[in-house]
Structure formats: structure tokens, C-alpha cells
Amino acid sequence: MSNPGIIQRMREALRLSVAWTAGLLRGRPGFRPIGAAGAFMDELFAVFPFTAEAQRWFRGKVRVVLLDPNSTTGGGLWHPLLNQVTLFTAQYEAAIHEFAHAWWESRRDPAELIAAVVRASENHDPRYGRIAGLARDYVHGTADGFPGFLRTRNDSEMYAGLASGAMADLRQMPPDLRRFYRSLFCELPPDAPAPAQVARHG
């Protein structure tokens, strides 16, 4: 990794994680958002159809750190040992991705999800074209050298990647795959606009 900006953000994420852990050891509350993360979560949940159950869980069980609320360039990390999501910027796609990692962590069903992703990779219904394309990349890899996730059976990246690939819109997923996300996202009516279309930025 040679990008100085990314390295600096990762160092800051590590510093905040260490500080938070030290706070836990001193008996401080563990799951309040840091800085602007609370306002960003409010915005994210107002625009994207996270279920009420998921919203309660994220607010009560996951520590969220937002490093740069004035940028939307993306990037983030899920720290399972700390139960913490670190967002480098206020980008919706990155937030959906990292929140999906956190949600899937304690609900994983690797074999079933991977089988559904393989089936999605073989789906040619144009309604699900974007997600089927991502599934094909995850199963077969890409011409530019990405090996995919099937070889290593990386169900976590499959789950998070499809969540952010659909931008929390279950209508983009084949029904067989949709079932893994129904506790995380509400399914919108057929005529509702895509959340990403009404969001204030991409």
C-alpha cells in the first residue's frame, strides 16, 4: 500500500481504536459514535432502507468512527475484535459495505450464501444485471487479475460487496439472494426511486 492518504487514515483509525479500547478498560461507555459519526448515521438511515432492527443494533452494538465528514472519497474498515466500523469519509457506499460486514459477522451462513452467489452468477435476467455481474466477478475473477472470492470462500466480502453493490436496494438482487439481506434492508415498493438516486451524493 503506497497511498499516503490511506496510510494516514489507517493510522488515525488505529489510534482511535486504541483510545476507545483504553476507555473501555477504564469503564467508559463503549458504543457512542465518535465525532460526526452520529449525524452521518442519522443521514444514512434516513436515505437508505435499513430495517428498524438493524438501525437499533448498529446504534446499540457497534462503535462507529468517522474520520473525515467533509469528504466522500470512500474507504473504511470493519474491526470484528473491537466491534467497530471505521469510515474514512462520509461516503454512503463505504458505510453500507462496512455496516454489512458488521451485520453479517454474527449471522454468517457461509455455505448457503456462497451457493446463492454462485447461482446469482448464472442469472441472466436484466433486472439483476449489476448484482449478477458482481457475483460473476466474485465467483470467476476478472481479466485484470482479481481472483474473486470463491477460491478462498470469502463469504464476508461477498456479502458486504453485494450489499454496497446494490446500494441497499433489494430489488436489484435475485430473490434467492435477497433472503440473506431481509433483516438488514427493507424491500422497497416496485415504483419507489432507488435510494442512491435521491441521496445527496454518490
N, C-alpha and C. Protein backbone atom coordinates (compact mmCIF):
# COMPACT_ATOMS: atom_id res chain seq x y z
N MET A 1 0.85 -1.19 0.00
CA MET A 1 0.00 0.00 0.00
C MET A 1 0.88 1.24 0.00
N SER A 2 0.74 2.09 -1.04
CA SER A 2 1.65 3.22 -1.17
C SER A 2 0.94 4.57 -1.10
N ASN A 3 -0.36 4.60 -0.97
CA ASN A 3 -1.10 5.85 -0.92
C ASN A 3 -0.95 6.49 0.46
N PRO A 4 -0.24 7.65 0.57
CA PRO A 4 -0.01 8.26 1.88
C PRO A 4 -1.31 8.64 2.59
N GLY A 5 -2.32 9.08 1.84
CA GLY A 5 -3.58 9.45 2.47
C GLY A 5 -4.26 8.28 3.14
N ILE A 6 -4.28 7.13 2.46
CA ILE A 6 -4.89 5.93 3.04
C ILE A 6 -4.10 5.48 4.26
N ILE A 7 -2.78 5.52 4.17
CA ILE A 7 -1.95 5.11 5.30
C ILE A 7 -2.22 6.00 6.50
N GLN A 8 -2.32 7.32 6.28
CA GLN A 8 -2.59 8.24 7.37
C GLN A 8 -3.95 7.96 8.01
N ARG A 9 -4.95 7.66 7.18
CA ARG A 9 -6.28 7.38 7.71
C ARG A 9 -6.29 6.08 8.51
N MET A 10 -5.54 5.10 8.04
CA MET A 10 -5.47 3.85 8.79
C MET A 10 -4.76 4.05 10.13
N ARG A 11 -3.73 4.89 10.13
CA ARG A 11 -3.06 5.19 11.41
C ARG A 11 -4.01 5.88 12.37
N GLU A 12 -4.81 6.83 11.84
CA GLU A 12 -5.77 7.52 12.69
C GLU A 12 -6.83 6.56 13.21
N ALA A 13 -7.27 5.63 12.34
CA ALA A 13 -8.24 4.63 12.78
C ALA A 13 -7.66 3.77 13.89
N LEU A 14 -6.40 3.38 13.75
CA LEU A 14 -5.76 2.58 14.78
C LEU A 14 -5.64 3.36 16.08
N ARG A 15 -5.28 4.66 15.97
CA ARG A 15 -5.14 5.49 17.18
C ARG A 15 -6.47 5.58 17.91
N LEU A 16 -7.56 5.81 17.17
CA LEU A 16 -8.87 5.91 17.80
C LEU A 16 -9.32 4.58 18.39
N SER A 17 -8.97 3.48 17.71
CA SER A 17 -9.33 2.16 18.23
C SER A 17 -8.62 1.88 19.55
N VAL A 18 -7.34 2.24 19.61
CA VAL A 18 -6.58 2.05 20.84
C VAL A 18 -7.15 2.92 21.96
N ALA A 19 -7.49 4.17 21.61
CA ALA A 19 -8.05 5.08 22.61
C ALA A 19 -9.39 4.56 23.12
N TRP A 20 -10.20 4.04 22.21
CA TRP A 20 -11.50 3.50 22.62
C TRP A 20 -11.33 2.29 23.54
N THR A 21 -10.41 1.39 23.17
CA THR A 21 -10.17 0.22 24.00
C THR A 21 -9.71 0.63 25.38
N ALA A 22 -8.82 1.62 25.44
CA ALA A 22 -8.37 2.12 26.74
C ALA A 22 -9.55 2.68 27.54
N GLY A 23 -10.47 3.36 26.86
CA GLY A 23 -11.65 3.88 27.53
C GLY A 23 -12.53 2.78 28.08
N LEU A 24 -12.67 1.70 27.34
CA LEU A 24 -13.44 0.56 27.84
C LEU A 24 -12.82 0.00 29.11
N LEU A 25 -11.51 -0.10 29.11
CA LEU A 25 -10.82 -0.64 30.29
C LEU A 25 -10.99 0.26 31.50
N ARG A 26 -11.23 1.55 31.25
CA ARG A 26 -11.46 2.49 32.36
C ARG A 26 -12.94 2.60 32.70
N GLY A 27 -13.77 1.77 32.05
CA GLY A 27 -15.18 1.73 32.38
C GLY A 27 -16.04 2.74 31.67
N ARG A 28 -15.55 3.37 30.60
CA ARG A 28 -16.35 4.33 29.86
C ARG A 28 -17.32 3.58 28.94
N PRO A 29 -18.47 4.22 28.61
CA PRO A 29 -19.40 3.57 27.67
C PRO A 29 -18.72 3.26 26.35
N GLY A 30 -19.10 2.14 25.76
CA GLY A 30 -18.36 1.67 24.60
C GLY A 30 -18.90 1.96 23.23
N PHE A 31 -20.17 2.37 23.08
CA PHE A 31 -20.72 2.35 21.74
C PHE A 31 -21.31 3.68 21.28
N ARG A 32 -20.90 4.78 21.84
CA ARG A 32 -21.34 6.07 21.30
C ARG A 32 -20.52 6.41 20.06
N PRO A 33 -21.16 6.94 19.00
CA PRO A 33 -20.38 7.31 17.81
C PRO A 33 -19.36 8.39 18.12
N ILE A 34 -18.24 8.36 17.43
CA ILE A 34 -17.19 9.35 17.62
C ILE A 34 -17.41 10.50 16.65
N GLY A 35 -17.35 11.73 17.17
CA GLY A 35 -17.39 12.91 16.33
C GLY A 35 -18.67 13.01 15.52
N ALA A 36 -18.52 13.18 14.22
CA ALA A 36 -19.66 13.39 13.32
C ALA A 36 -20.34 12.09 12.93
N ALA A 37 -19.91 10.95 13.47
CA ALA A 37 -20.47 9.67 13.04
C ALA A 37 -21.95 9.56 13.36
N GLY A 38 -22.40 10.11 14.48
CA GLY A 38 -23.80 10.02 14.85
C GLY A 38 -24.70 10.72 13.84
N ALA A 39 -24.33 11.93 13.44
CA ALA A 39 -25.13 12.67 12.45
C ALA A 39 -25.10 11.96 11.10
N PHE A 40 -23.96 11.39 10.75
CA PHE A 40 -23.88 10.68 9.46
C PHE A 40 -24.75 9.43 9.49
N MET A 41 -24.78 8.72 10.60
CA MET A 41 -25.65 7.54 10.70
C MET A 41 -27.11 7.95 10.57
N ASP A 42 -27.50 9.07 11.18
CA ASP A 42 -28.88 9.55 11.04
C ASP A 42 -29.21 9.78 9.56
N GLU A 43 -28.28 10.40 8.86
CA GLU A 43 -28.48 10.69 7.44
C GLU A 43 -28.55 9.40 6.63
N LEU A 44 -27.63 8.49 6.89
CA LEU A 44 -27.59 7.22 6.17
C LEU A 44 -28.90 6.46 6.34
N PHE A 45 -29.39 6.39 7.57
CA PHE A 45 -30.60 5.62 7.84
C PHE A 45 -31.85 6.33 7.32
N ALA A 46 -31.79 7.64 7.16
CA ALA A 46 -32.93 8.38 6.61
C ALA A 46 -33.06 8.16 5.10
N VAL A 47 -31.93 7.91 4.43
CA VAL A 47 -31.93 7.80 2.97
C VAL A 47 -32.03 6.35 2.51
N PHE A 48 -31.34 5.45 3.20
CA PHE A 48 -31.26 4.06 2.77
C PHE A 48 -32.12 3.18 3.70
N PRO A 49 -32.77 2.15 3.13
CA PRO A 49 -33.81 1.42 3.87
C PRO A 49 -33.29 0.33 4.81
N PHE A 50 -32.45 0.72 5.76
CA PHE A 50 -32.07 -0.22 6.81
C PHE A 50 -33.31 -0.52 7.66
N THR A 51 -33.48 -1.77 8.05
CA THR A 51 -34.62 -2.13 8.88
C THR A 51 -34.50 -1.46 10.25
N ALA A 52 -35.63 -1.34 10.93
CA ALA A 52 -35.62 -0.77 12.29
C ALA A 52 -34.75 -1.63 13.20
N GLU A 53 -34.82 -2.94 13.03
CA GLU A 53 -33.99 -3.85 13.83
C GLU A 53 -32.51 -3.57 13.62
N ALA A 54 -32.12 -3.42 12.36
CA ALA A 54 -30.71 -3.16 12.06
C ALA A 54 -30.27 -1.81 12.61
N GLN A 55 -31.10 -0.80 12.47
CA GLN A 55 -30.74 0.51 12.99
C GLN A 55 -30.52 0.46 14.50
N ARG A 56 -31.41 -0.19 15.21
CA ARG A 56 -31.23 -0.32 16.66
C ARG A 56 -29.94 -1.06 17.00
N TRP A 57 -29.67 -2.10 16.25
CA TRP A 57 -28.48 -2.91 16.52
C TRP A 57 -27.20 -2.11 16.28
N PHE A 58 -27.13 -1.39 15.17
CA PHE A 58 -25.95 -0.60 14.89
C PHE A 58 -25.74 0.49 15.94
N ARG A 59 -26.83 1.14 16.34
CA ARG A 59 -26.70 2.22 17.32
C ARG A 59 -26.31 1.69 18.70
N GLY A 60 -26.75 0.49 19.01
CA GLY A 60 -26.51 -0.04 20.35
C GLY A 60 -25.32 -0.97 20.49
N LYS A 61 -24.87 -1.56 19.38
CA LYS A 61 -23.88 -2.63 19.48
C LYS A 61 -22.57 -2.37 18.74
N VAL A 62 -22.54 -1.38 17.85
CA VAL A 62 -21.36 -1.18 17.02
C VAL A 62 -20.81 0.23 17.24
N ARG A 63 -19.56 0.30 17.52
CA ARG A 63 -18.87 1.59 17.61
C ARG A 63 -18.59 2.08 16.19
N VAL A 64 -18.95 3.33 15.88
CA VAL A 64 -18.73 3.89 14.55
C VAL A 64 -17.83 5.12 14.66
N VAL A 65 -16.77 5.11 13.89
CA VAL A 65 -15.82 6.22 13.84
C VAL A 65 -15.83 6.80 12.43
N LEU A 66 -16.00 8.10 12.31
CA LEU A 66 -15.96 8.79 11.02
C LEU A 66 -14.78 9.76 11.05
N LEU A 67 -13.80 9.52 10.18
CA LEU A 67 -12.56 10.29 10.24
C LEU A 67 -12.67 11.64 9.53
N ASP A 68 -13.33 11.68 8.37
CA ASP A 68 -13.42 12.94 7.61
C ASP A 68 -14.84 13.14 7.09
N PRO A 69 -15.67 13.86 7.85
CA PRO A 69 -17.06 14.05 7.43
C PRO A 69 -17.22 14.98 6.24
N ASN A 70 -16.15 15.66 5.83
CA ASN A 70 -16.22 16.62 4.73
C ASN A 70 -15.82 16.03 3.39
N SER A 71 -15.48 14.74 3.36
CA SER A 71 -15.07 14.08 2.13
C SER A 71 -16.00 12.91 1.85
N THR A 72 -16.13 12.56 0.58
CA THR A 72 -16.92 11.38 0.19
C THR A 72 -16.12 10.46 -0.73
N THR A 73 -14.80 10.45 -0.55
CA THR A 73 -13.95 9.64 -1.43
C THR A 73 -14.03 8.15 -1.10
N GLY A 74 -14.53 7.80 0.07
CA GLY A 74 -14.76 6.39 0.38
C GLY A 74 -13.71 5.78 1.27
N GLY A 75 -13.84 4.48 1.46
CA GLY A 75 -12.90 3.71 2.27
C GLY A 75 -13.40 3.49 3.67
N GLY A 76 -13.03 2.36 4.23
CA GLY A 76 -13.42 2.05 5.60
C GLY A 76 -12.88 0.71 6.04
N LEU A 77 -13.11 0.39 7.29
CA LEU A 77 -12.64 -0.86 7.88
C LEU A 77 -13.67 -1.38 8.86
N TRP A 78 -13.77 -2.69 8.94
CA TRP A 78 -14.56 -3.35 9.97
C TRP A 78 -13.59 -4.06 10.89
N HIS A 79 -13.65 -3.75 12.18
CA HIS A 79 -12.76 -4.35 13.18
C HIS A 79 -13.58 -5.33 14.03
N PRO A 80 -13.66 -6.60 13.66
CA PRO A 80 -14.53 -7.52 14.40
C PRO A 80 -14.14 -7.70 15.87
N LEU A 81 -12.86 -7.66 16.18
CA LEU A 81 -12.46 -7.85 17.57
C LEU A 81 -12.88 -6.68 18.45
N LEU A 82 -12.98 -5.50 17.86
CA LEU A 82 -13.41 -4.31 18.59
C LEU A 82 -14.89 -4.00 18.39
N ASN A 83 -15.54 -4.73 17.48
CA ASN A 83 -16.91 -4.43 17.12
C ASN A 83 -17.05 -2.97 16.68
N GLN A 84 -16.14 -2.56 15.83
CA GLN A 84 -16.05 -1.16 15.41
C GLN A 84 -16.00 -1.03 13.90
N VAL A 85 -16.78 -0.09 13.37
CA VAL A 85 -16.70 0.32 11.98
C VAL A 85 -15.97 1.66 11.93
N THR A 86 -14.91 1.73 11.14
CA THR A 86 -14.20 2.98 10.91
C THR A 86 -14.45 3.40 9.47
N LEU A 87 -15.02 4.57 9.28
CA LEU A 87 -15.26 5.12 7.95
C LEU A 87 -14.25 6.22 7.70
N PHE A 88 -13.51 6.12 6.60
CA PHE A 88 -12.54 7.16 6.28
C PHE A 88 -13.23 8.46 5.94
N THR A 89 -14.38 8.37 5.25
CA THR A 89 -15.11 9.57 4.81
C THR A 89 -16.61 9.29 4.93
N ALA A 90 -17.40 10.31 4.61
CA ALA A 90 -18.86 10.19 4.69
C ALA A 90 -19.44 9.73 3.35
N GLN A 91 -18.91 8.64 2.82
CA GLN A 91 -19.43 8.08 1.58
C GLN A 91 -20.45 6.99 1.91
N TYR A 92 -21.62 7.07 1.30
CA TYR A 92 -22.67 6.10 1.59
C TYR A 92 -22.27 4.68 1.22
N GLU A 93 -21.67 4.51 0.06
CA GLU A 93 -21.32 3.17 -0.40
C GLU A 93 -20.39 2.46 0.58
N ALA A 94 -19.38 3.18 1.06
CA ALA A 94 -18.45 2.59 2.02
C ALA A 94 -19.16 2.26 3.33
N ALA A 95 -20.06 3.13 3.76
CA ALA A 95 -20.78 2.88 5.00
C ALA A 95 -21.66 1.64 4.88
N ILE A 96 -22.39 1.52 3.78
CA ILE A 96 -23.23 0.33 3.56
C ILE A 96 -22.37 -0.92 3.57
N HIS A 97 -21.21 -0.85 2.93
CA HIS A 97 -20.31 -2.00 2.84
C HIS A 97 -19.82 -2.43 4.23
N GLU A 98 -19.31 -1.47 5.00
CA GLU A 98 -18.75 -1.82 6.31
C GLU A 98 -19.84 -2.21 7.30
N PHE A 99 -21.00 -1.56 7.23
CA PHE A 99 -22.10 -1.95 8.10
C PHE A 99 -22.57 -3.37 7.77
N ALA A 100 -22.55 -3.72 6.48
CA ALA A 100 -22.93 -5.08 6.09
C ALA A 100 -21.93 -6.10 6.65
N HIS A 101 -20.65 -5.76 6.63
CA HIS A 101 -19.65 -6.64 7.27
C HIS A 101 -20.03 -6.89 8.72
N ALA A 102 -20.32 -5.80 9.43
CA ALA A 102 -20.63 -5.92 10.85
C ALA A 102 -21.88 -6.75 11.08
N TRP A 103 -22.91 -6.54 10.27
CA TRP A 103 -24.17 -7.26 10.42
C TRP A 103 -23.99 -8.75 10.17
N TRP A 104 -23.23 -9.10 9.16
CA TRP A 104 -23.04 -10.49 8.76
C TRP A 104 -22.18 -11.27 9.75
N GLU A 105 -21.33 -10.57 10.47
CA GLU A 105 -20.32 -11.23 11.32
C GLU A 105 -20.95 -12.26 12.27
N SER A 106 -22.03 -11.90 12.93
CA SER A 106 -22.63 -12.82 13.90
C SER A 106 -23.81 -13.59 13.32
N ARG A 107 -24.05 -13.44 12.03
CA ARG A 107 -25.19 -14.09 11.39
C ARG A 107 -24.76 -14.95 10.21
N ARG A 108 -23.49 -15.26 10.13
CA ARG A 108 -22.93 -15.87 8.94
C ARG A 108 -23.49 -17.27 8.68
N ASP A 109 -23.75 -17.51 7.43
CA ASP A 109 -24.13 -18.83 6.92
C ASP A 109 -23.34 -19.01 5.62
N PRO A 110 -22.02 -19.24 5.74
CA PRO A 110 -21.14 -19.18 4.57
C PRO A 110 -21.54 -20.09 3.43
N ALA A 111 -21.83 -21.34 3.72
CA ALA A 111 -22.11 -22.28 2.63
C ALA A 111 -23.36 -21.88 1.86
N GLU A 112 -24.40 -21.48 2.57
CA GLU A 112 -25.65 -21.10 1.90
C GLU A 112 -25.48 -19.83 1.08
N LEU A 113 -24.78 -18.84 1.65
CA LEU A 113 -24.58 -17.60 0.90
C LEU A 113 -23.74 -17.85 -0.35
N ILE A 114 -22.66 -18.58 -0.21
CA ILE A 114 -21.79 -18.83 -1.37
C ILE A 114 -22.56 -19.56 -2.46
N ALA A 115 -23.37 -20.53 -2.09
CA ALA A 115 -24.18 -21.25 -3.09
C ALA A 115 -25.12 -20.29 -3.80
N ALA A 116 -25.71 -19.34 -3.05
CA ALA A 116 -26.63 -18.37 -3.66
C ALA A 116 -25.88 -17.41 -4.57
N VAL A 117 -24.65 -17.04 -4.20
CA VAL A 117 -23.86 -16.16 -5.05
C VAL A 117 -23.48 -16.88 -6.35
N VAL A 118 -23.15 -18.15 -6.26
CA VAL A 118 -22.86 -18.93 -7.48
C VAL A 118 -24.08 -18.97 -8.38
N ARG A 119 -25.26 -19.19 -7.80
CA ARG A 119 -26.48 -19.19 -8.62
C ARG A 119 -26.73 -17.81 -9.23
N ALA A 120 -26.48 -16.76 -8.45
CA ALA A 120 -26.67 -15.39 -8.97
C ALA A 120 -25.73 -15.12 -10.14
N SER A 121 -24.54 -15.71 -10.10
CA SER A 121 -23.57 -15.50 -11.18
C SER A 121 -24.05 -16.10 -12.50
N GLU A 122 -25.01 -17.00 -12.41
CA GLU A 122 -25.55 -17.66 -13.61
C GLU A 122 -26.89 -17.07 -14.03
N ASN A 123 -27.30 -16.01 -13.34
CA ASN A 123 -28.59 -15.38 -13.62
C ASN A 123 -28.43 -14.35 -14.74
N HIS A 124 -29.27 -14.43 -15.75
CA HIS A 124 -29.17 -13.52 -16.90
C HIS A 124 -30.40 -12.62 -17.04
N ASP A 125 -31.19 -12.53 -16.00
CA ASP A 125 -32.33 -11.62 -16.00
C ASP A 125 -31.79 -10.18 -15.93
N PRO A 126 -32.13 -9.33 -16.90
CA PRO A 126 -31.57 -7.97 -16.93
C PRO A 126 -31.93 -7.13 -15.70
N ARG A 127 -33.01 -7.49 -14.99
CA ARG A 127 -33.37 -6.75 -13.78
C ARG A 127 -32.29 -6.85 -12.71
N TYR A 128 -31.51 -7.92 -12.77
CA TYR A 128 -30.50 -8.16 -11.74
C TYR A 128 -29.09 -8.09 -12.32
N GLY A 129 -28.95 -7.36 -13.42
CA GLY A 129 -27.68 -7.36 -14.16
C GLY A 129 -26.49 -6.92 -13.36
N ARG A 130 -26.61 -5.85 -12.57
CA ARG A 130 -25.44 -5.37 -11.82
C ARG A 130 -25.00 -6.40 -10.78
N ILE A 131 -25.95 -6.92 -10.03
CA ILE A 131 -25.59 -7.88 -8.97
C ILE A 131 -25.10 -9.19 -9.58
N ALA A 132 -25.72 -9.64 -10.67
CA ALA A 132 -25.24 -10.86 -11.33
C ALA A 132 -23.82 -10.66 -11.84
N GLY A 133 -23.51 -9.47 -12.35
CA GLY A 133 -22.16 -9.18 -12.81
C GLY A 133 -21.15 -9.22 -11.67
N LEU A 134 -21.52 -8.63 -10.55
CA LEU A 134 -20.62 -8.69 -9.39
C LEU A 134 -20.44 -10.14 -8.93
N ALA A 135 -21.54 -10.88 -8.91
CA ALA A 135 -21.44 -12.29 -8.50
C ALA A 135 -20.51 -13.06 -9.42
N ARG A 136 -20.58 -12.80 -10.73
CA ARG A 136 -19.66 -13.48 -11.66
C ARG A 136 -18.20 -13.13 -11.34
N ASP A 137 -17.95 -11.85 -11.04
CA ASP A 137 -16.59 -11.45 -10.66
C ASP A 137 -16.13 -12.17 -9.40
N TYR A 138 -17.05 -12.30 -8.44
CA TYR A 138 -16.69 -12.94 -7.16
C TYR A 138 -16.44 -14.43 -7.34
N VAL A 139 -17.16 -15.05 -8.27
CA VAL A 139 -17.02 -16.49 -8.49
C VAL A 139 -15.86 -16.82 -9.42
N HIS A 140 -15.72 -16.06 -10.52
CA HIS A 140 -14.75 -16.41 -11.56
C HIS A 140 -13.53 -15.50 -11.61
N GLY A 141 -13.56 -14.39 -10.88
CA GLY A 141 -12.47 -13.42 -11.00
C GLY A 141 -12.66 -12.55 -12.24
N THR A 142 -11.69 -11.68 -12.49
CA THR A 142 -11.79 -10.77 -13.63
C THR A 142 -10.52 -10.83 -14.47
N ALA A 143 -10.61 -10.30 -15.67
CA ALA A 143 -9.49 -10.36 -16.61
C ALA A 143 -8.30 -9.55 -16.14
N ASP A 144 -8.52 -8.57 -15.26
CA ASP A 144 -7.40 -7.74 -14.80
C ASP A 144 -6.66 -8.33 -13.61
N GLY A 145 -6.97 -9.56 -13.28
CA GLY A 145 -6.19 -10.25 -12.25
C GLY A 145 -6.87 -10.44 -10.91
N PHE A 146 -8.04 -9.86 -10.70
CA PHE A 146 -8.78 -10.10 -9.45
C PHE A 146 -9.23 -11.56 -9.43
N PRO A 147 -8.81 -12.35 -8.42
CA PRO A 147 -9.11 -13.78 -8.44
C PRO A 147 -10.51 -14.15 -7.99
N GLY A 148 -11.27 -13.17 -7.52
CA GLY A 148 -12.58 -13.48 -6.97
C GLY A 148 -12.49 -13.92 -5.52
N PHE A 149 -13.63 -14.25 -4.95
CA PHE A 149 -13.69 -14.65 -3.54
C PHE A 149 -14.03 -16.12 -3.34
N LEU A 150 -14.38 -16.82 -4.44
CA LEU A 150 -14.81 -18.20 -4.28
C LEU A 150 -13.66 -19.10 -3.85
N ARG A 151 -12.48 -18.87 -4.41
CA ARG A 151 -11.33 -19.74 -4.09
C ARG A 151 -11.06 -19.79 -2.60
N THR A 152 -11.15 -18.63 -1.96
CA THR A 152 -10.88 -18.55 -0.53
C THR A 152 -12.16 -18.64 0.30
N ARG A 153 -13.29 -18.82 -0.38
CA ARG A 153 -14.60 -18.92 0.28
C ARG A 153 -14.82 -17.73 1.22
N ASN A 154 -14.56 -16.55 0.68
CA ASN A 154 -14.67 -15.32 1.48
C ASN A 154 -16.11 -14.82 1.43
N ASP A 155 -16.94 -15.43 2.24
CA ASP A 155 -18.36 -15.06 2.26
C ASP A 155 -18.57 -13.65 2.80
N SER A 156 -17.69 -13.20 3.68
CA SER A 156 -17.85 -11.87 4.27
C SER A 156 -17.74 -10.77 3.22
N GLU A 157 -16.72 -10.87 2.35
CA GLU A 157 -16.58 -9.86 1.30
C GLU A 157 -17.68 -9.99 0.26
N MET A 158 -18.11 -11.22 -0.01
CA MET A 158 -19.25 -11.38 -0.93
C MET A 158 -20.47 -10.65 -0.38
N TYR A 159 -20.76 -10.88 0.89
CA TYR A 159 -21.96 -10.30 1.49
C TYR A 159 -21.89 -8.77 1.48
N ALA A 160 -20.77 -8.23 1.95
CA ALA A 160 -20.63 -6.77 2.01
C ALA A 160 -20.59 -6.15 0.63
N GLY A 161 -19.89 -6.81 -0.31
CA GLY A 161 -19.77 -6.28 -1.65
C GLY A 161 -21.10 -6.22 -2.38
N LEU A 162 -21.95 -7.23 -2.18
CA LEU A 162 -23.26 -7.22 -2.83
C LEU A 162 -24.19 -6.21 -2.17
N ALA A 163 -24.05 -6.02 -0.86
CA ALA A 163 -24.87 -5.01 -0.17
C ALA A 163 -24.57 -3.62 -0.71
N SER A 164 -23.28 -3.29 -0.82
CA SER A 164 -22.93 -1.97 -1.33
C SER A 164 -23.10 -1.89 -2.84
N GLY A 165 -22.95 -3.02 -3.54
CA GLY A 165 -23.18 -3.03 -4.98
C GLY A 165 -24.62 -2.69 -5.32
N ALA A 166 -25.55 -3.15 -4.48
CA ALA A 166 -26.97 -2.84 -4.67
C ALA A 166 -27.35 -1.52 -4.02
N MET A 167 -26.43 -0.91 -3.28
CA MET A 167 -26.71 0.32 -2.53
C MET A 167 -27.98 0.17 -1.69
N ALA A 168 -28.06 -0.97 -1.00
CA ALA A 168 -29.13 -1.27 -0.05
C ALA A 168 -30.50 -1.45 -0.69
N ASP A 169 -30.54 -1.63 -1.99
CA ASP A 169 -31.81 -1.78 -2.72
C ASP A 169 -32.00 -3.25 -3.08
N LEU A 170 -32.82 -3.95 -2.31
CA LEU A 170 -33.00 -5.39 -2.50
C LEU A 170 -33.60 -5.73 -3.86
N ARG A 171 -34.27 -4.79 -4.50
CA ARG A 171 -34.89 -5.06 -5.79
C ARG A 171 -33.86 -5.39 -6.86
N GLN A 172 -32.60 -5.03 -6.62
CA GLN A 172 -31.55 -5.34 -7.59
C GLN A 172 -31.04 -6.77 -7.47
N MET A 173 -31.46 -7.47 -6.42
CA MET A 173 -30.95 -8.83 -6.18
C MET A 173 -31.95 -9.89 -6.62
N PRO A 174 -31.48 -11.01 -7.16
CA PRO A 174 -32.38 -12.14 -7.39
C PRO A 174 -33.01 -12.58 -6.07
N PRO A 175 -34.26 -13.04 -6.10
CA PRO A 175 -34.94 -13.42 -4.85
C PRO A 175 -34.16 -14.41 -3.99
N ASP A 176 -33.47 -15.33 -4.63
CA ASP A 176 -32.71 -16.35 -3.90
C ASP A 176 -31.61 -15.72 -3.05
N LEU A 177 -31.06 -14.61 -3.52
CA LEU A 177 -30.00 -13.92 -2.79
C LEU A 177 -30.57 -12.91 -1.80
N ARG A 178 -31.70 -12.35 -2.15
CA ARG A 178 -32.35 -11.31 -1.36
C ARG A 178 -32.61 -11.75 0.08
N ARG A 179 -32.90 -13.02 0.26
CA ARG A 179 -33.30 -13.50 1.58
C ARG A 179 -32.22 -13.31 2.65
N PHE A 180 -30.96 -13.24 2.24
CA PHE A 180 -29.87 -13.06 3.21
C PHE A 180 -29.81 -11.63 3.75
N TYR A 181 -30.50 -10.72 3.08
CA TYR A 181 -30.41 -9.30 3.42
C TYR A 181 -31.70 -8.74 4.00
N ARG A 182 -32.75 -9.57 4.10
CA ARG A 182 -34.05 -9.04 4.51
C ARG A 182 -34.07 -8.55 5.95
N SER A 183 -33.20 -9.02 6.80
CA SER A 183 -33.16 -8.48 8.17
C SER A 183 -32.34 -7.18 8.23
N LEU A 184 -31.54 -6.93 7.20
CA LEU A 184 -30.69 -5.73 7.16
C LEU A 184 -31.38 -4.59 6.44
N PHE A 185 -32.00 -4.88 5.29
CA PHE A 185 -32.64 -3.85 4.47
C PHE A 185 -34.13 -4.16 4.27
N CYS A 186 -34.95 -3.12 4.27
CA CYS A 186 -36.36 -3.25 3.88
C CYS A 186 -36.45 -3.32 2.36
N GLU A 187 -37.39 -4.11 1.88
CA GLU A 187 -37.61 -4.16 0.43
C GLU A 187 -38.56 -3.04 0.03
N LEU A 188 -38.15 -2.21 -0.89
CA LEU A 188 -38.93 -1.05 -1.31
C LEU A 188 -40.01 -1.44 -2.31
N PRO A 189 -41.09 -0.66 -2.40
CA PRO A 189 -42.12 -0.93 -3.42
C PRO A 189 -41.52 -0.84 -4.82
N PRO A 190 -42.12 -1.56 -5.78
CA PRO A 190 -41.56 -1.58 -7.14
C PRO A 190 -41.38 -0.20 -7.77
N ASP A 191 -42.28 0.74 -7.44
CA ASP A 191 -42.22 2.04 -8.10
C ASP A 191 -41.45 3.10 -7.31
N ALA A 192 -40.87 2.71 -6.19
CA ALA A 192 -40.11 3.67 -5.38
C ALA A 192 -38.77 3.98 -6.07
N PRO A 193 -38.29 5.22 -5.98
CA PRO A 193 -36.98 5.52 -6.57
C PRO A 193 -35.86 4.79 -5.82
N ALA A 194 -34.80 4.51 -6.53
CA ALA A 194 -33.65 3.89 -5.89
C ALA A 194 -33.07 4.86 -4.86
N PRO A 195 -32.74 4.39 -3.66
CA PRO A 195 -32.19 5.30 -2.65
C PRO A 195 -30.97 6.08 -3.14
N ALA A 196 -30.12 5.43 -3.91
CA ALA A 196 -28.91 6.11 -4.41
C ALA A 196 -29.26 7.28 -5.32
N GLN A 197 -30.44 7.24 -5.94
CA GLN A 197 -30.85 8.33 -6.84
C GLN A 197 -31.30 9.55 -6.08
N VAL A 198 -31.79 9.37 -4.86
CA VAL A 198 -32.27 10.51 -4.08
C VAL A 198 -31.25 10.97 -3.05
N ALA A 199 -30.17 10.22 -2.89
CA ALA A 199 -29.12 10.62 -1.96
C ALA A 199 -28.44 11.89 -2.44
N ARG A 200 -27.90 12.66 -1.52
CA ARG A 200 -27.32 13.95 -1.89
C ARG A 200 -25.97 13.84 -2.58
N HIS A 201 -25.35 12.68 -2.50
CA HIS A 201 -24.11 12.43 -3.24
C HIS A 201 -23.99 10.95 -3.50
N GLY A 202 -23.07 10.58 -4.40
CA GLY A 202 -22.89 9.19 -4.77
C GLY A 202 -22.10 8.40 -3.77
